[in-house]
Protein backbone atom coordinates (compact mmCIF):
# COMPACT_ATOMS: atom_id res chain seq x y z
CA MET A 1 -9.70 43.09 -24.52
CA LEU A 2 -6.51 44.24 -22.58
CA GLY A 3 -5.89 47.21 -20.04
CA GLY A 4 -4.25 48.38 -16.94
CA PRO A 5 -1.94 50.78 -15.50
CA LEU A 6 1.12 52.02 -16.95
CA PHE A 7 4.18 53.29 -14.86
CA SER A 8 5.99 55.69 -17.04
CA ASN A 9 9.11 57.75 -16.59
CA TYR A 10 12.11 59.26 -19.04
CA ASP A 11 15.72 58.95 -19.13
CA ASP A 12 18.61 59.98 -21.10
CA VAL A 13 17.75 63.55 -20.52
CA THR A 14 20.44 65.93 -19.50
CA GLY A 15 19.51 68.57 -16.85
CA LEU A 16 15.88 67.17 -15.94
CA ASN A 17 14.60 65.07 -13.06
CA PHE A 18 11.40 63.23 -13.57
CA ASP A 19 9.02 61.59 -11.13
CA GLN A 20 7.17 58.37 -12.09
CA ARG A 21 3.51 59.02 -12.56
CA ILE A 22 0.58 56.44 -13.22
CA GLY A 23 -1.14 56.36 -16.52
CA TYR A 24 -3.02 53.68 -18.32
CA LEU A 25 -3.41 51.70 -21.52
CA ILE A 26 -6.71 49.95 -22.71
CA GLY A 27 -7.60 48.27 -25.91
CA MET A 28 -7.51 44.89 -28.09
CA ALA A 29 -4.82 42.11 -28.41
CA PHE A 30 -4.79 39.98 -31.69
CA GLY A 31 -3.26 36.82 -32.32
CA GLY A 32 -0.83 34.97 -30.24
CA ASN A 33 -1.51 31.25 -31.41
CA ARG A 34 -2.88 30.21 -27.85
CA ARG A 35 -2.84 26.69 -28.85
CA GLY A 36 0.61 26.44 -30.45
CA VAL A 37 4.12 27.04 -29.13
CA VAL A 38 5.10 30.30 -30.93
CA GLY A 39 2.80 33.04 -32.44
CA ILE A 40 2.78 36.57 -33.18
CA GLN A 41 0.60 39.07 -31.07
CA GLY A 42 -0.49 42.63 -31.89
CA ASP A 43 -1.95 44.95 -29.70
CA VAL A 44 -3.90 48.44 -30.37
CA LEU A 45 -3.99 50.17 -27.02
CA TYR A 46 -5.08 53.63 -26.04
CA GLY A 47 -4.15 55.65 -22.95
CA SER A 48 -2.34 58.32 -21.11
CA LYS A 49 1.21 58.50 -20.19
CA PRO A 50 2.01 61.02 -17.60
CA VAL A 51 5.27 62.08 -16.20
CA GLU A 52 6.34 64.62 -13.42
CA ILE A 53 8.99 66.93 -14.68
CA VAL A 54 10.43 68.19 -11.26
CA GLY A 55 9.98 72.09 -11.03
CA LYS A 56 8.12 72.25 -14.35
CA GLY A 57 4.73 70.31 -13.79
CA THR A 58 3.24 67.17 -15.31
CA LEU A 59 3.78 66.03 -18.90
CA GLU A 60 0.70 64.31 -20.11
CA GLN A 61 0.61 62.57 -23.31
CA SER A 62 -2.41 60.79 -24.94
CA VAL A 63 -1.23 57.83 -27.06
CA VAL A 64 -1.88 54.90 -29.04
CA HIS A 65 0.39 52.30 -28.69
CA VAL A 66 0.99 49.39 -31.09
CA PRO A 67 3.38 46.53 -30.21
CA VAL A 68 3.99 43.69 -32.43
CA MET A 69 5.54 40.79 -30.57
CA LEU A 70 6.63 37.11 -30.74
CA LYS A 71 4.72 35.21 -28.00
CA VAL A 72 6.05 31.64 -26.85
CA ASN A 73 3.52 29.52 -24.86
CA LEU A 74 5.45 27.74 -22.15
CA GLY A 75 4.53 23.87 -21.34
CA GLN A 76 1.17 22.42 -22.28
CA ALA A 77 -2.04 23.93 -21.65
CA SER A 78 -3.38 22.50 -18.21
CA ALA A 79 -6.96 20.88 -17.90
CA HIS A 80 -7.99 24.10 -16.14
CA GLY A 81 -6.83 26.13 -19.07
CA PHE A 82 -3.84 27.63 -17.36
CA ARG A 83 -1.01 28.68 -19.71
CA ALA A 84 2.17 30.91 -19.10
CA PHE A 85 3.76 32.73 -21.86
CA LEU A 86 6.59 35.00 -22.78
CA LEU A 87 6.58 38.12 -25.13
CA GLY A 88 8.92 40.27 -27.08
CA GLY A 89 9.10 42.71 -29.82
CA GLY A 90 8.95 46.04 -31.05
CA TYR A 91 6.27 48.83 -30.82
CA ILE A 92 5.24 52.35 -32.37
CA GLU A 93 3.49 54.94 -30.46
CA TRP A 94 1.70 57.87 -31.65
CA GLN A 95 1.02 60.71 -29.46
CA PHE A 96 -2.38 62.31 -29.99
CA ASN A 97 -1.51 65.40 -27.77
CA GLY A 98 1.05 66.59 -25.16
CA LYS A 99 0.43 69.21 -22.56
CA LEU A 100 2.84 70.49 -20.04
CA GLN A 101 0.68 72.08 -17.16
CA ASP A 102 -2.06 73.62 -19.63
CA VAL A 103 0.34 74.39 -22.23
CA ASP A 104 -0.19 72.15 -25.79
CA LEU A 105 3.07 70.75 -27.03
CA ALA A 106 1.61 68.57 -29.61
CA ASP A 107 3.41 70.58 -32.43
CA ASP A 108 6.77 70.74 -30.54
CA THR A 109 7.27 66.83 -30.72
CA SER A 110 7.84 64.45 -33.63
CA GLY A 111 4.51 62.91 -32.59
CA PHE A 112 5.85 59.22 -32.20
CA GLU A 113 8.15 56.75 -30.42
CA ALA A 114 9.59 53.50 -31.36
CA GLY A 115 11.18 50.95 -29.17
CA PHE A 116 10.73 47.40 -27.72
CA THR A 117 8.77 45.46 -25.26
CA VAL A 118 9.38 42.45 -23.28
CA GLY A 119 7.48 40.53 -20.83
CA GLY A 120 5.51 37.63 -19.75
CA GLY A 121 2.24 36.37 -18.17
CA PHE A 122 -0.28 33.69 -17.66
CA GLU A 123 -4.05 32.78 -18.60
CA VAL A 124 -6.31 30.91 -16.74
CA LEU A 125 -9.73 30.25 -18.79
CA ARG A 126 -10.35 33.43 -20.41
CA LEU A 127 -8.70 35.78 -17.85
CA GLY A 128 -4.96 36.87 -18.06
CA ILE A 129 -2.63 39.13 -16.68
CA GLN A 130 0.78 40.30 -18.29
CA ALA A 131 3.84 42.25 -17.28
CA ARG A 132 5.61 44.10 -19.71
CA TRP A 133 8.87 46.35 -19.85
CA VAL A 134 8.62 49.11 -22.70
CA ARG A 135 11.78 50.88 -23.77
CA GLY A 136 11.90 53.75 -26.23
CA LEU A 137 14.77 53.85 -28.57
CA ARG A 138 13.62 56.75 -30.76
CA GLY A 139 12.80 59.95 -28.71
CA ILE A 140 9.62 61.69 -29.24
CA ASP A 141 11.46 65.17 -28.60
CA LYS A 142 13.31 66.68 -31.81
CA THR A 143 12.69 70.61 -30.94
CA PHE A 144 10.99 70.63 -27.61
CA ASN A 145 13.63 72.51 -25.57
CA LEU A 146 13.23 71.76 -21.57
CA GLY A 147 16.70 72.29 -19.96
CA GLN A 148 18.65 72.00 -23.11
CA THR A 149 17.38 68.24 -23.67
CA VAL A 150 18.38 66.75 -27.10
CA GLU A 151 15.73 63.91 -27.05
CA MET A 152 13.55 62.07 -24.50
CA LYS A 153 13.01 58.26 -24.16
CA SER A 154 10.50 56.70 -22.32
CA ASN A 155 10.94 53.91 -19.96
CA CYS A 156 7.67 52.10 -18.81
CA PHE A 157 6.28 49.15 -16.89
CA LEU A 158 3.06 47.99 -17.81
CA LEU A 159 0.58 45.64 -15.92
CA LEU A 160 -2.11 44.46 -18.25
CA PHE A 161 -5.17 42.45 -17.46
CA GLY A 162 -7.21 40.81 -20.24
CA LEU A 163 -10.22 38.97 -21.25
CA ARG A 164 -10.08 36.62 -24.28
CA LEU A 165 -13.06 36.94 -26.12
CA ASN A 166 -12.86 34.00 -28.62
């Protein structure tokens, strides 16, 4: 199990100013090869990804975030179960709905975003913490026209707390 706060923002948008808002992601992580040096980790995380558009209101999005990452475990696992690791890879994110104030925007976006994520963390016994930076490469906006924008790309920081079940 994995979850925590998401600090989202957008950039590469002409004519709009954004203020960061706090959302969340929660779900499951799979793989990672805890006992080995290198492994593949995939997550399925659901959450909220809000951002304030200055002068226009809060853009709220409900998303399913699915990263697939290479996980590199650093050093040997200690006798107390401490293990540090690095993560990096790609993701796809599906937008379930989008609202600006109370206006539904789900039909005005392409419904997904793809990009990359990098980060690291550690695990002690069955508890872990991760920090990730997530950068969208394919913008969610195709026909949504706020301030003459062509596309919007997310830029997020995640702080995830985990409990290993196996």
